[in-house]
Amino acid sequence: RAMSALVDVDLEVAEREFVCLLGPSGCGKSTLLNIVSGLLPPSGGVVRYKGAPVRGVNTEIGYVTQADNLYPWRTLRENVEFPLALRRVAKSERRVKAQDALKLVGLDGFGKRHPHELSGGMKQRVSIARGLVQDPPVLLMDEPFAALDEQTRMTMGDELLRIWAATGKTVVFVTHSLTEAVYLADEVIVMSPRPGRIVDVLDVDLPQPR
């Protein structure tokens, strides 16, 4: 029997806004990101990006998942370059953009290292760099810090806010942590257990940095 992951989700995210989706496991947060990015077609309703319906994968959206998904046989620079290689960007341009992205996440000089040489937090920085390398206006982040210890998680949150301030991107960030949501976001979207609904929208008016 078919099961609904999301019901009656009506949400608008403004340009340059930092929004957190907060809710219990299985409430459809990841499904919602997959639909927003165009990876998963909705069974009903429509997703609009800059006013136009999304049909297929939206190449203006970067996506950082919970797992780092790095290729162990590639260097960090080659991992970050990979989305550009898929789009047949010239090798010289790929290298420059990958180095710039690594510098942005605080890993300048690490381009020739391999994933096994890094801590968990550093691997997540590489994943963020890979999400940023195509300079997407929108960045979706699906619990990217969930596997990290609390201290590293806070450090990565600070890094993400620094990057957000520097780039002016729109960020939609999935988390289970109310503390993390309030620390990071302009707006917190609270979702119900499955099927996921939006039950509250909380504006966070605390000044940055928090």
N, C-alpha and C. Protein backbone atom coordinates (compact mmCIF):
# COMPACT_ATOMS: atom_id res chain seq x y z
N ARG A 1 0.84 -1.19 0.00
CA ARG A 1 0.00 0.00 0.00
C ARG A 1 0.88 1.25 0.00
N ALA A 2 0.51 2.23 -0.78
CA ALA A 2 1.29 3.47 -0.84
C ALA A 2 1.22 4.20 0.50
N MET A 3 2.35 4.83 0.85
CA MET A 3 2.43 5.57 2.10
C MET A 3 2.87 7.00 1.81
N SER A 4 2.19 7.97 2.36
CA SER A 4 2.55 9.37 2.14
C SER A 4 3.68 9.78 3.08
N ALA A 5 4.72 10.38 2.51
CA ALA A 5 5.82 10.90 3.33
C ALA A 5 5.54 12.32 3.77
N LEU A 6 4.85 13.09 2.92
CA LEU A 6 4.56 14.50 3.18
C LEU A 6 3.11 14.80 2.81
N VAL A 7 2.48 15.67 3.56
CA VAL A 7 1.10 16.07 3.28
C VAL A 7 0.96 17.58 3.49
N ASP A 8 0.37 18.25 2.50
CA ASP A 8 0.02 19.67 2.64
C ASP A 8 1.21 20.54 3.06
N VAL A 9 2.36 20.31 2.45
CA VAL A 9 3.54 21.13 2.76
C VAL A 9 3.52 22.37 1.85
N ASP A 10 3.40 23.52 2.46
CA ASP A 10 3.37 24.79 1.73
C ASP A 10 4.43 25.69 2.35
N LEU A 11 5.47 25.96 1.61
CA LEU A 11 6.65 26.63 2.18
C LEU A 11 7.29 27.52 1.14
N GLU A 12 7.68 28.71 1.55
CA GLU A 12 8.41 29.62 0.68
C GLU A 12 9.69 30.04 1.38
N VAL A 13 10.81 29.94 0.67
CA VAL A 13 12.12 30.32 1.21
C VAL A 13 12.63 31.51 0.42
N ALA A 14 13.00 32.56 1.14
CA ALA A 14 13.46 33.78 0.49
C ALA A 14 14.93 33.68 0.09
N GLU A 15 15.31 34.47 -0.88
CA GLU A 15 16.70 34.53 -1.31
C GLU A 15 17.60 34.95 -0.15
N ARG A 16 18.74 34.28 0.00
CA ARG A 16 19.77 34.55 1.02
C ARG A 16 19.33 34.17 2.43
N GLU A 17 18.20 33.52 2.55
CA GLU A 17 17.69 33.13 3.87
C GLU A 17 18.34 31.82 4.32
N PHE A 18 18.50 31.65 5.64
CA PHE A 18 18.98 30.39 6.21
C PHE A 18 17.81 29.78 6.96
N VAL A 19 17.30 28.65 6.43
CA VAL A 19 16.12 27.99 6.99
C VAL A 19 16.50 26.60 7.48
N CYS A 20 16.03 26.23 8.67
CA CYS A 20 16.22 24.87 9.18
C CYS A 20 14.88 24.13 9.18
N LEU A 21 14.92 22.90 8.70
CA LEU A 21 13.78 21.98 8.82
C LEU A 21 14.03 21.11 10.04
N LEU A 22 13.14 21.17 11.00
CA LEU A 22 13.31 20.48 12.28
C LEU A 22 12.15 19.51 12.47
N GLY A 23 12.48 18.25 12.77
CA GLY A 23 11.42 17.28 12.98
C GLY A 23 11.98 15.91 13.31
N PRO A 24 11.13 14.98 13.75
CA PRO A 24 11.58 13.64 14.14
C PRO A 24 12.01 12.81 12.93
N SER A 25 12.72 11.74 13.20
CA SER A 25 13.14 10.83 12.13
C SER A 25 11.93 10.30 11.39
N GLY A 26 12.06 10.22 10.07
CA GLY A 26 10.99 9.65 9.27
C GLY A 26 9.86 10.59 8.94
N CYS A 27 10.03 11.90 9.23
CA CYS A 27 8.92 12.82 8.98
C CYS A 27 8.96 13.41 7.57
N GLY A 28 9.92 13.00 6.76
CA GLY A 28 9.92 13.42 5.36
C GLY A 28 10.85 14.58 5.04
N LYS A 29 11.74 14.92 5.97
CA LYS A 29 12.65 16.06 5.74
C LYS A 29 13.56 15.80 4.54
N SER A 30 14.17 14.63 4.50
CA SER A 30 15.06 14.28 3.39
C SER A 30 14.28 14.15 2.09
N THR A 31 13.08 13.59 2.17
CA THR A 31 12.22 13.49 0.98
C THR A 31 11.94 14.88 0.43
N LEU A 32 11.67 15.82 1.33
CA LEU A 32 11.39 17.19 0.89
C LEU A 32 12.59 17.79 0.17
N LEU A 33 13.79 17.58 0.69
CA LEU A 33 14.99 18.08 0.01
C LEU A 33 15.15 17.44 -1.37
N ASN A 34 14.90 16.14 -1.45
CA ASN A 34 15.02 15.46 -2.74
C ASN A 34 14.03 16.00 -3.76
N ILE A 35 12.84 16.36 -3.30
CA ILE A 35 11.83 16.94 -4.19
C ILE A 35 12.23 18.34 -4.61
N VAL A 36 12.70 19.14 -3.65
CA VAL A 36 13.12 20.51 -3.94
C VAL A 36 14.25 20.53 -4.97
N SER A 37 15.19 19.60 -4.85
CA SER A 37 16.34 19.57 -5.75
C SER A 37 16.00 19.03 -7.14
N GLY A 38 14.83 18.37 -7.24
CA GLY A 38 14.44 17.77 -8.51
C GLY A 38 14.88 16.33 -8.67
N LEU A 39 15.50 15.77 -7.62
CA LEU A 39 15.92 14.36 -7.69
C LEU A 39 14.74 13.41 -7.61
N LEU A 40 13.65 13.87 -6.97
CA LEU A 40 12.47 13.04 -6.78
C LEU A 40 11.23 13.83 -7.19
N PRO A 41 10.47 13.35 -8.17
CA PRO A 41 9.27 14.09 -8.58
C PRO A 41 8.19 13.95 -7.52
N PRO A 42 7.48 15.03 -7.20
CA PRO A 42 6.39 14.91 -6.22
C PRO A 42 5.21 14.16 -6.82
N SER A 43 4.51 13.39 -5.98
CA SER A 43 3.31 12.67 -6.46
C SER A 43 2.12 13.62 -6.57
N GLY A 44 2.25 14.80 -5.95
CA GLY A 44 1.21 15.82 -6.06
C GLY A 44 1.81 17.18 -5.75
N GLY A 45 1.17 18.21 -6.24
CA GLY A 45 1.68 19.54 -5.98
C GLY A 45 2.81 19.93 -6.92
N VAL A 46 3.44 21.06 -6.64
CA VAL A 46 4.48 21.57 -7.53
C VAL A 46 5.54 22.30 -6.71
N VAL A 47 6.79 22.21 -7.17
CA VAL A 47 7.89 22.97 -6.61
C VAL A 47 8.26 24.05 -7.61
N ARG A 48 8.38 25.28 -7.12
CA ARG A 48 8.77 26.38 -8.00
C ARG A 48 10.11 26.96 -7.55
N TYR A 49 10.94 27.24 -8.53
CA TYR A 49 12.23 27.88 -8.27
C TYR A 49 12.28 29.16 -9.09
N LYS A 50 12.39 30.29 -8.41
CA LYS A 50 12.34 31.60 -9.05
C LYS A 50 11.06 31.74 -9.89
N GLY A 51 9.98 31.16 -9.39
CA GLY A 51 8.68 31.29 -10.04
C GLY A 51 8.36 30.23 -11.08
N ALA A 52 9.36 29.46 -11.52
CA ALA A 52 9.13 28.46 -12.57
C ALA A 52 9.07 27.06 -11.98
N PRO A 53 8.17 26.19 -12.47
CA PRO A 53 8.10 24.82 -11.96
C PRO A 53 9.42 24.07 -12.18
N VAL A 54 9.82 23.28 -11.18
CA VAL A 54 11.03 22.46 -11.29
C VAL A 54 10.67 21.16 -11.99
N ARG A 55 11.37 20.88 -13.09
CA ARG A 55 11.18 19.63 -13.83
C ARG A 55 12.55 19.01 -14.05
N GLY A 56 12.82 17.93 -13.34
CA GLY A 56 14.14 17.32 -13.41
C GLY A 56 15.09 17.97 -12.42
N VAL A 57 16.33 17.50 -12.43
CA VAL A 57 17.33 17.98 -11.47
C VAL A 57 17.63 19.46 -11.70
N ASN A 58 17.58 20.23 -10.64
CA ASN A 58 17.86 21.67 -10.72
C ASN A 58 19.36 21.88 -10.52
N THR A 59 20.06 22.24 -11.56
CA THR A 59 21.52 22.40 -11.50
C THR A 59 21.95 23.67 -10.78
N GLU A 60 20.99 24.50 -10.37
CA GLU A 60 21.33 25.70 -9.60
C GLU A 60 21.27 25.44 -8.09
N ILE A 61 21.07 24.18 -7.73
CA ILE A 61 20.99 23.81 -6.32
C ILE A 61 22.13 22.86 -5.97
N GLY A 62 22.89 23.20 -4.93
CA GLY A 62 23.91 22.30 -4.40
C GLY A 62 23.31 21.46 -3.28
N TYR A 63 23.84 20.24 -3.09
CA TYR A 63 23.24 19.31 -2.13
C TYR A 63 24.37 18.65 -1.33
N VAL A 64 24.33 18.81 -0.01
CA VAL A 64 25.30 18.18 0.88
C VAL A 64 24.54 17.18 1.75
N THR A 65 24.93 15.92 1.68
CA THR A 65 24.21 14.86 2.40
C THR A 65 24.86 14.57 3.75
N GLN A 66 24.19 13.72 4.54
CA GLN A 66 24.71 13.36 5.86
C GLN A 66 26.02 12.59 5.75
N ALA A 67 26.10 11.64 4.82
CA ALA A 67 27.34 10.92 4.56
C ALA A 67 28.23 11.78 3.66
N ASP A 68 29.54 11.72 3.88
CA ASP A 68 30.42 12.58 3.07
C ASP A 68 30.52 12.11 1.61
N ASN A 69 30.31 10.81 1.36
CA ASN A 69 30.28 10.27 -0.01
C ASN A 69 31.53 10.64 -0.82
N LEU A 70 32.68 10.70 -0.17
CA LEU A 70 33.92 11.01 -0.88
C LEU A 70 34.48 9.73 -1.50
N TYR A 71 35.10 9.87 -2.65
CA TYR A 71 35.75 8.74 -3.31
C TYR A 71 37.13 8.55 -2.69
N PRO A 72 37.39 7.40 -2.04
CA PRO A 72 38.66 7.25 -1.30
C PRO A 72 39.90 7.25 -2.17
N TRP A 73 39.75 6.89 -3.45
CA TRP A 73 40.91 6.84 -4.34
C TRP A 73 41.24 8.20 -4.98
N ARG A 74 40.38 9.17 -4.78
CA ARG A 74 40.62 10.50 -5.34
C ARG A 74 41.19 11.42 -4.26
N THR A 75 42.01 12.36 -4.68
CA THR A 75 42.47 13.39 -3.74
C THR A 75 41.29 14.30 -3.38
N LEU A 76 41.51 15.14 -2.38
CA LEU A 76 40.43 16.06 -1.99
C LEU A 76 40.08 16.99 -3.15
N ARG A 77 41.09 17.49 -3.83
CA ARG A 77 40.82 18.38 -4.97
C ARG A 77 40.03 17.65 -6.04
N GLU A 78 40.39 16.41 -6.32
CA GLU A 78 39.68 15.64 -7.34
C GLU A 78 38.24 15.35 -6.92
N ASN A 79 38.03 15.12 -5.60
CA ASN A 79 36.66 14.93 -5.11
C ASN A 79 35.82 16.18 -5.30
N VAL A 80 36.41 17.33 -4.99
CA VAL A 80 35.68 18.59 -5.13
C VAL A 80 35.43 18.91 -6.59
N GLU A 81 36.37 18.56 -7.44
CA GLU A 81 36.25 18.82 -8.89
C GLU A 81 35.18 17.97 -9.56
N PHE A 82 34.80 16.86 -8.94
CA PHE A 82 34.01 15.85 -9.63
C PHE A 82 32.73 16.39 -10.28
N PRO A 83 31.92 17.22 -9.58
CA PRO A 83 30.72 17.75 -10.25
C PRO A 83 31.04 18.57 -11.50
N LEU A 84 32.17 19.27 -11.47
CA LEU A 84 32.57 20.05 -12.64
C LEU A 84 33.02 19.15 -13.78
N ALA A 85 33.69 18.04 -13.43
CA ALA A 85 34.12 17.09 -14.46
C ALA A 85 32.91 16.48 -15.17
N LEU A 86 31.85 16.22 -14.40
CA LEU A 86 30.64 15.66 -15.01
C LEU A 86 30.03 16.63 -16.02
N ARG A 87 30.25 17.91 -15.79
CA ARG A 87 29.72 18.93 -16.70
C ARG A 87 30.75 19.32 -17.76
N ARG A 88 31.83 18.57 -17.83
CA ARG A 88 32.88 18.76 -18.85
C ARG A 88 33.51 20.15 -18.80
N VAL A 89 33.66 20.68 -17.59
CA VAL A 89 34.39 21.94 -17.41
C VAL A 89 35.87 21.67 -17.66
N ALA A 90 36.57 22.59 -18.28
CA ALA A 90 37.98 22.43 -18.60
C ALA A 90 38.80 22.14 -17.34
N LYS A 91 39.81 21.30 -17.47
CA LYS A 91 40.60 20.85 -16.32
C LYS A 91 41.22 22.02 -15.57
N SER A 92 41.75 23.00 -16.29
CA SER A 92 42.39 24.13 -15.62
C SER A 92 41.38 24.93 -14.80
N GLU A 93 40.19 25.11 -15.33
CA GLU A 93 39.15 25.84 -14.61
C GLU A 93 38.66 25.04 -13.40
N ARG A 94 38.54 23.73 -13.58
CA ARG A 94 38.13 22.87 -12.46
C ARG A 94 39.11 22.99 -11.30
N ARG A 95 40.37 22.98 -11.61
CA ARG A 95 41.40 23.03 -10.56
C ARG A 95 41.31 24.33 -9.76
N VAL A 96 41.18 25.44 -10.46
CA VAL A 96 41.10 26.74 -9.79
C VAL A 96 39.86 26.81 -8.90
N LYS A 97 38.71 26.37 -9.43
CA LYS A 97 37.47 26.43 -8.65
C LYS A 97 37.52 25.50 -7.44
N ALA A 98 38.11 24.33 -7.60
CA ALA A 98 38.22 23.39 -6.48
C ALA A 98 39.14 23.95 -5.40
N GLN A 99 40.24 24.56 -5.79
CA GLN A 99 41.15 25.15 -4.82
C GLN A 99 40.49 26.30 -4.08
N ASP A 100 39.71 27.11 -4.80
CA ASP A 100 38.99 28.22 -4.16
C ASP A 100 37.96 27.70 -3.16
N ALA A 101 37.25 26.61 -3.54
CA ALA A 101 36.23 26.04 -2.65
C ALA A 101 36.87 25.45 -1.39
N LEU A 102 38.00 24.77 -1.55
CA LEU A 102 38.71 24.22 -0.39
C LEU A 102 39.22 25.32 0.53
N LYS A 103 39.67 26.41 -0.07
CA LYS A 103 40.13 27.55 0.73
C LYS A 103 38.96 28.14 1.53
N LEU A 104 37.81 28.21 0.90
CA LEU A 104 36.63 28.79 1.55
C LEU A 104 36.23 28.00 2.80
N VAL A 105 36.42 26.67 2.77
CA VAL A 105 36.04 25.84 3.93
C VAL A 105 37.22 25.60 4.87
N GLY A 106 38.31 26.33 4.68
CA GLY A 106 39.44 26.23 5.59
C GLY A 106 40.37 25.07 5.34
N LEU A 107 40.41 24.56 4.11
CA LEU A 107 41.28 23.42 3.78
C LEU A 107 42.27 23.77 2.68
N ASP A 108 42.68 25.03 2.64
CA ASP A 108 43.71 25.45 1.69
C ASP A 108 45.00 24.67 1.96
N GLY A 109 45.58 24.11 0.91
CA GLY A 109 46.81 23.33 1.06
C GLY A 109 46.59 21.84 1.27
N PHE A 110 45.32 21.42 1.38
CA PHE A 110 45.02 20.00 1.61
C PHE A 110 44.59 19.28 0.33
N GLY A 111 44.66 19.94 -0.81
CA GLY A 111 44.11 19.39 -2.04
C GLY A 111 44.69 18.06 -2.46
N LYS A 112 45.93 17.78 -2.11
CA LYS A 112 46.58 16.53 -2.54
C LYS A 112 46.40 15.40 -1.54
N ARG A 113 45.76 15.68 -0.42
CA ARG A 113 45.49 14.63 0.57
C ARG A 113 44.34 13.74 0.10
N HIS A 114 44.23 12.56 0.75
CA HIS A 114 43.13 11.64 0.46
C HIS A 114 42.19 11.57 1.67
N PRO A 115 40.94 11.15 1.46
CA PRO A 115 39.96 11.16 2.55
C PRO A 115 40.40 10.42 3.81
N HIS A 116 41.14 9.31 3.67
CA HIS A 116 41.52 8.55 4.87
C HIS A 116 42.47 9.32 5.78
N GLU A 117 43.04 10.40 5.29
CA GLU A 117 43.96 11.21 6.08
C GLU A 117 43.25 12.28 6.90
N LEU A 118 41.92 12.35 6.81
CA LEU A 118 41.17 13.44 7.42
C LEU A 118 40.32 12.98 8.59
N SER A 119 40.01 13.92 9.49
CA SER A 119 39.03 13.68 10.54
C SER A 119 37.63 13.77 9.93
N GLY A 120 36.63 13.36 10.74
CA GLY A 120 35.25 13.42 10.26
C GLY A 120 34.82 14.84 9.91
N GLY A 121 35.21 15.80 10.75
CA GLY A 121 34.85 17.19 10.48
C GLY A 121 35.47 17.72 9.21
N MET A 122 36.72 17.33 8.96
CA MET A 122 37.40 17.78 7.73
C MET A 122 36.75 17.16 6.50
N LYS A 123 36.32 15.91 6.60
CA LYS A 123 35.62 15.28 5.47
C LYS A 123 34.34 16.03 5.15
N GLN A 124 33.62 16.46 6.20
CA GLN A 124 32.39 17.20 5.95
C GLN A 124 32.69 18.55 5.31
N ARG A 125 33.82 19.15 5.64
CA ARG A 125 34.22 20.40 4.98
C ARG A 125 34.44 20.15 3.48
N VAL A 126 35.04 19.02 3.16
CA VAL A 126 35.24 18.68 1.74
C VAL A 126 33.89 18.53 1.05
N SER A 127 32.93 17.87 1.72
CA SER A 127 31.59 17.71 1.14
C SER A 127 30.94 19.07 0.89
N ILE A 128 31.11 19.99 1.84
CA ILE A 128 30.55 21.33 1.65
C ILE A 128 31.25 22.03 0.49
N ALA A 129 32.57 21.87 0.40
CA ALA A 129 33.31 22.46 -0.73
C ALA A 129 32.79 21.92 -2.05
N ARG A 130 32.52 20.63 -2.11
CA ARG A 130 32.00 20.02 -3.34
C ARG A 130 30.60 20.58 -3.66
N GLY A 131 29.80 20.83 -2.62
CA GLY A 131 28.49 21.43 -2.84
C GLY A 131 28.57 22.87 -3.32
N LEU A 132 29.66 23.56 -2.96
CA LEU A 132 29.82 24.97 -3.31
C LEU A 132 30.56 25.20 -4.62
N VAL A 133 31.25 24.18 -5.12
CA VAL A 133 32.20 24.40 -6.22
C VAL A 133 31.54 24.92 -7.49
N GLN A 134 30.27 24.57 -7.70
CA GLN A 134 29.57 25.08 -8.89
C GLN A 134 28.92 26.43 -8.62
N ASP A 135 29.17 26.98 -7.43
CA ASP A 135 28.63 28.27 -7.01
C ASP A 135 27.11 28.33 -7.14
N PRO A 136 26.39 27.35 -6.56
CA PRO A 136 24.93 27.36 -6.67
C PRO A 136 24.33 28.44 -5.79
N PRO A 137 23.26 29.10 -6.23
CA PRO A 137 22.60 30.10 -5.40
C PRO A 137 21.95 29.50 -4.15
N VAL A 138 21.59 28.21 -4.24
CA VAL A 138 20.88 27.53 -3.14
C VAL A 138 21.68 26.30 -2.71
N LEU A 139 21.79 26.11 -1.39
CA LEU A 139 22.50 24.96 -0.85
C LEU A 139 21.56 24.20 0.09
N LEU A 140 21.29 22.93 -0.25
CA LEU A 140 20.50 22.04 0.60
C LEU A 140 21.46 21.19 1.42
N MET A 141 21.18 21.05 2.72
CA MET A 141 22.08 20.31 3.60
C MET A 141 21.26 19.36 4.46
N ASP A 142 21.47 18.06 4.28
CA ASP A 142 20.68 17.04 4.96
C ASP A 142 21.47 16.47 6.14
N GLU A 143 21.28 17.04 7.31
CA GLU A 143 21.97 16.63 8.54
C GLU A 143 23.47 16.41 8.31
N PRO A 144 24.18 17.39 7.78
CA PRO A 144 25.58 17.16 7.42
C PRO A 144 26.50 16.96 8.61
N PHE A 145 26.08 17.36 9.82
CA PHE A 145 26.95 17.25 10.99
C PHE A 145 26.49 16.18 11.97
N ALA A 146 25.52 15.36 11.59
CA ALA A 146 24.89 14.43 12.52
C ALA A 146 25.86 13.42 13.11
N ALA A 147 26.88 13.01 12.35
CA ALA A 147 27.79 11.97 12.81
C ALA A 147 28.97 12.53 13.62
N LEU A 148 29.00 13.84 13.81
CA LEU A 148 30.15 14.48 14.47
C LEU A 148 29.89 14.62 15.97
N ASP A 149 30.98 14.68 16.75
CA ASP A 149 30.84 14.96 18.17
C ASP A 149 30.38 16.40 18.37
N GLU A 150 29.88 16.70 19.57
CA GLU A 150 29.23 17.99 19.82
C GLU A 150 30.18 19.17 19.59
N GLN A 151 31.43 19.05 20.03
CA GLN A 151 32.37 20.15 19.87
C GLN A 151 32.67 20.42 18.40
N THR A 152 32.91 19.34 17.64
CA THR A 152 33.18 19.49 16.21
C THR A 152 31.95 20.03 15.49
N ARG A 153 30.78 19.58 15.95
CA ARG A 153 29.53 20.03 15.34
C ARG A 153 29.36 21.54 15.50
N MET A 154 29.68 22.06 16.68
CA MET A 154 29.58 23.49 16.90
C MET A 154 30.59 24.25 16.05
N THR A 155 31.79 23.70 15.93
CA THR A 155 32.82 24.33 15.10
C THR A 155 32.37 24.38 13.65
N MET A 156 31.79 23.27 13.16
CA MET A 156 31.32 23.23 11.78
C MET A 156 30.15 24.18 11.57
N GLY A 157 29.31 24.34 12.60
CA GLY A 157 28.23 25.32 12.51
C GLY A 157 28.78 26.73 12.34
N ASP A 158 29.82 27.05 13.10
CA ASP A 158 30.46 28.36 12.96
C ASP A 158 31.03 28.55 11.55
N GLU A 159 31.67 27.49 11.03
CA GLU A 159 32.25 27.55 9.69
C GLU A 159 31.16 27.77 8.64
N LEU A 160 30.04 27.07 8.82
CA LEU A 160 28.94 27.20 7.86
C LEU A 160 28.37 28.62 7.87
N LEU A 161 28.21 29.19 9.05
CA LEU A 161 27.70 30.57 9.14
C LEU A 161 28.68 31.55 8.50
N ARG A 162 29.98 31.30 8.67
CA ARG A 162 30.98 32.16 8.04
C ARG A 162 30.87 32.08 6.52
N ILE A 163 30.73 30.86 5.99
CA ILE A 163 30.61 30.66 4.54
C ILE A 163 29.34 31.30 4.02
N TRP A 164 28.25 31.11 4.76
CA TRP A 164 26.96 31.71 4.37
C TRP A 164 27.07 33.22 4.30
N ALA A 165 27.71 33.83 5.30
CA ALA A 165 27.88 35.28 5.31
C ALA A 165 28.76 35.75 4.16
N ALA A 166 29.76 34.92 3.82
CA ALA A 166 30.70 35.31 2.76
C ALA A 166 30.11 35.15 1.36
N THR A 167 29.21 34.19 1.18
CA THR A 167 28.71 33.88 -0.16
C THR A 167 27.31 34.39 -0.43
N GLY A 168 26.52 34.65 0.61
CA GLY A 168 25.16 35.13 0.41
C GLY A 168 24.21 34.12 -0.19
N LYS A 169 24.49 32.83 0.02
CA LYS A 169 23.62 31.80 -0.56
C LYS A 169 22.36 31.59 0.28
N THR A 170 21.38 31.00 -0.35
CA THR A 170 20.19 30.54 0.36
C THR A 170 20.48 29.13 0.88
N VAL A 171 20.23 28.87 2.17
CA VAL A 171 20.54 27.57 2.76
C VAL A 171 19.28 26.97 3.37
N VAL A 172 19.02 25.70 3.03
CA VAL A 172 17.96 24.92 3.68
C VAL A 172 18.65 23.74 4.36
N PHE A 173 18.56 23.69 5.68
CA PHE A 173 19.37 22.79 6.51
C PHE A 173 18.46 21.90 7.33
N VAL A 174 18.62 20.58 7.19
CA VAL A 174 17.83 19.61 7.95
C VAL A 174 18.56 19.24 9.24
N THR A 175 17.83 19.21 10.35
CA THR A 175 18.43 18.81 11.63
C THR A 175 17.37 18.20 12.54
N HIS A 176 17.85 17.41 13.52
CA HIS A 176 16.99 16.92 14.60
C HIS A 176 17.15 17.79 15.84
N SER A 177 18.14 18.67 15.83
CA SER A 177 18.53 19.39 17.04
C SER A 177 17.91 20.79 17.07
N LEU A 178 17.09 21.05 18.08
CA LEU A 178 16.53 22.39 18.25
C LEU A 178 17.63 23.40 18.52
N THR A 179 18.62 23.01 19.32
CA THR A 179 19.74 23.91 19.62
C THR A 179 20.46 24.31 18.34
N GLU A 180 20.75 23.33 17.49
CA GLU A 180 21.44 23.61 16.24
C GLU A 180 20.59 24.50 15.33
N ALA A 181 19.29 24.24 15.29
CA ALA A 181 18.40 25.02 14.44
C ALA A 181 18.38 26.49 14.86
N VAL A 182 18.25 26.74 16.17
CA VAL A 182 18.19 28.11 16.67
C VAL A 182 19.54 28.81 16.51
N TYR A 183 20.61 28.04 16.66
CA TYR A 183 21.96 28.61 16.53
C TYR A 183 22.24 29.07 15.10
N LEU A 184 21.72 28.33 14.12
CA LEU A 184 22.08 28.59 12.73
C LEU A 184 21.09 29.47 11.97
N ALA A 185 19.80 29.26 12.19
CA ALA A 185 18.80 29.68 11.20
C ALA A 185 18.19 31.05 11.46
N ASP A 186 17.69 31.65 10.37
CA ASP A 186 16.80 32.82 10.45
C ASP A 186 15.38 32.36 10.77
N GLU A 187 15.04 31.16 10.26
CA GLU A 187 13.69 30.65 10.39
C GLU A 187 13.75 29.14 10.60
N VAL A 188 12.95 28.64 11.54
CA VAL A 188 12.89 27.20 11.82
C VAL A 188 11.51 26.68 11.43
N ILE A 189 11.50 25.70 10.53
CA ILE A 189 10.26 25.07 10.08
C ILE A 189 10.09 23.78 10.88
N VAL A 190 9.08 23.71 11.72
CA VAL A 190 8.86 22.54 12.58
C VAL A 190 7.89 21.61 11.88
N MET A 191 8.30 20.32 11.76
CA MET A 191 7.49 19.33 11.05
C MET A 191 6.98 18.27 12.01
N SER A 192 5.81 17.71 11.67
CA SER A 192 5.17 16.68 12.48
C SER A 192 5.74 15.31 12.12
N PRO A 193 5.47 14.29 12.95
CA PRO A 193 5.80 12.91 12.55
C PRO A 193 5.07 12.55 11.25
N ARG A 194 5.53 11.46 10.60
CA ARG A 194 4.98 11.04 9.31
C ARG A 194 3.48 10.81 9.37
N PRO A 195 2.77 11.26 8.33
CA PRO A 195 3.27 12.02 7.18
C PRO A 195 3.61 13.46 7.57
N GLY A 196 4.74 13.94 7.09
CA GLY A 196 5.26 15.22 7.51
C GLY A 196 4.37 16.39 7.10
N ARG A 197 4.05 17.22 8.08
CA ARG A 197 3.33 18.47 7.84
C ARG A 197 4.11 19.59 8.53
N ILE A 198 3.92 20.79 8.07
CA ILE A 198 4.51 21.94 8.77
C ILE A 198 3.54 22.34 9.87
N VAL A 199 4.00 22.22 11.12
CA VAL A 199 3.13 22.53 12.26
C VAL A 199 3.44 23.88 12.88
N ASP A 200 4.62 24.43 12.59
CA ASP A 200 4.95 25.75 13.12
C ASP A 200 6.10 26.35 12.32
N VAL A 201 6.13 27.66 12.26
CA VAL A 201 7.23 28.40 11.63
C VAL A 201 7.72 29.42 12.65
N LEU A 202 8.97 29.27 13.07
CA LEU A 202 9.52 30.12 14.13
C LEU A 202 10.58 31.05 13.55
N ASP A 203 10.39 32.34 13.71
CA ASP A 203 11.40 33.31 13.32
C ASP A 203 12.41 33.44 14.45
N VAL A 204 13.69 33.37 14.10
CA VAL A 204 14.76 33.51 15.09
C VAL A 204 15.35 34.91 14.92
N ASP A 205 15.06 35.78 15.87
CA ASP A 205 15.49 37.17 15.71
C ASP A 205 16.74 37.51 16.52
N LEU A 206 17.47 36.49 16.97
CA LEU A 206 18.72 36.72 17.69
C LEU A 206 19.77 37.22 16.69
N PRO A 207 20.56 38.22 17.08
CA PRO A 207 21.58 38.73 16.15
C PRO A 207 22.69 37.73 15.92
N GLN A 208 23.29 37.79 14.73
CA GLN A 208 24.46 36.99 14.41
C GLN A 208 25.71 37.81 14.71
N PRO A 209 26.82 37.18 15.13
CA PRO A 209 26.95 35.76 15.49
C PRO A 209 26.32 35.47 16.84
N ARG A 210 25.88 34.23 17.03
CA ARG A 210 25.16 33.84 18.25
C ARG A 210 26.10 33.13 19.20
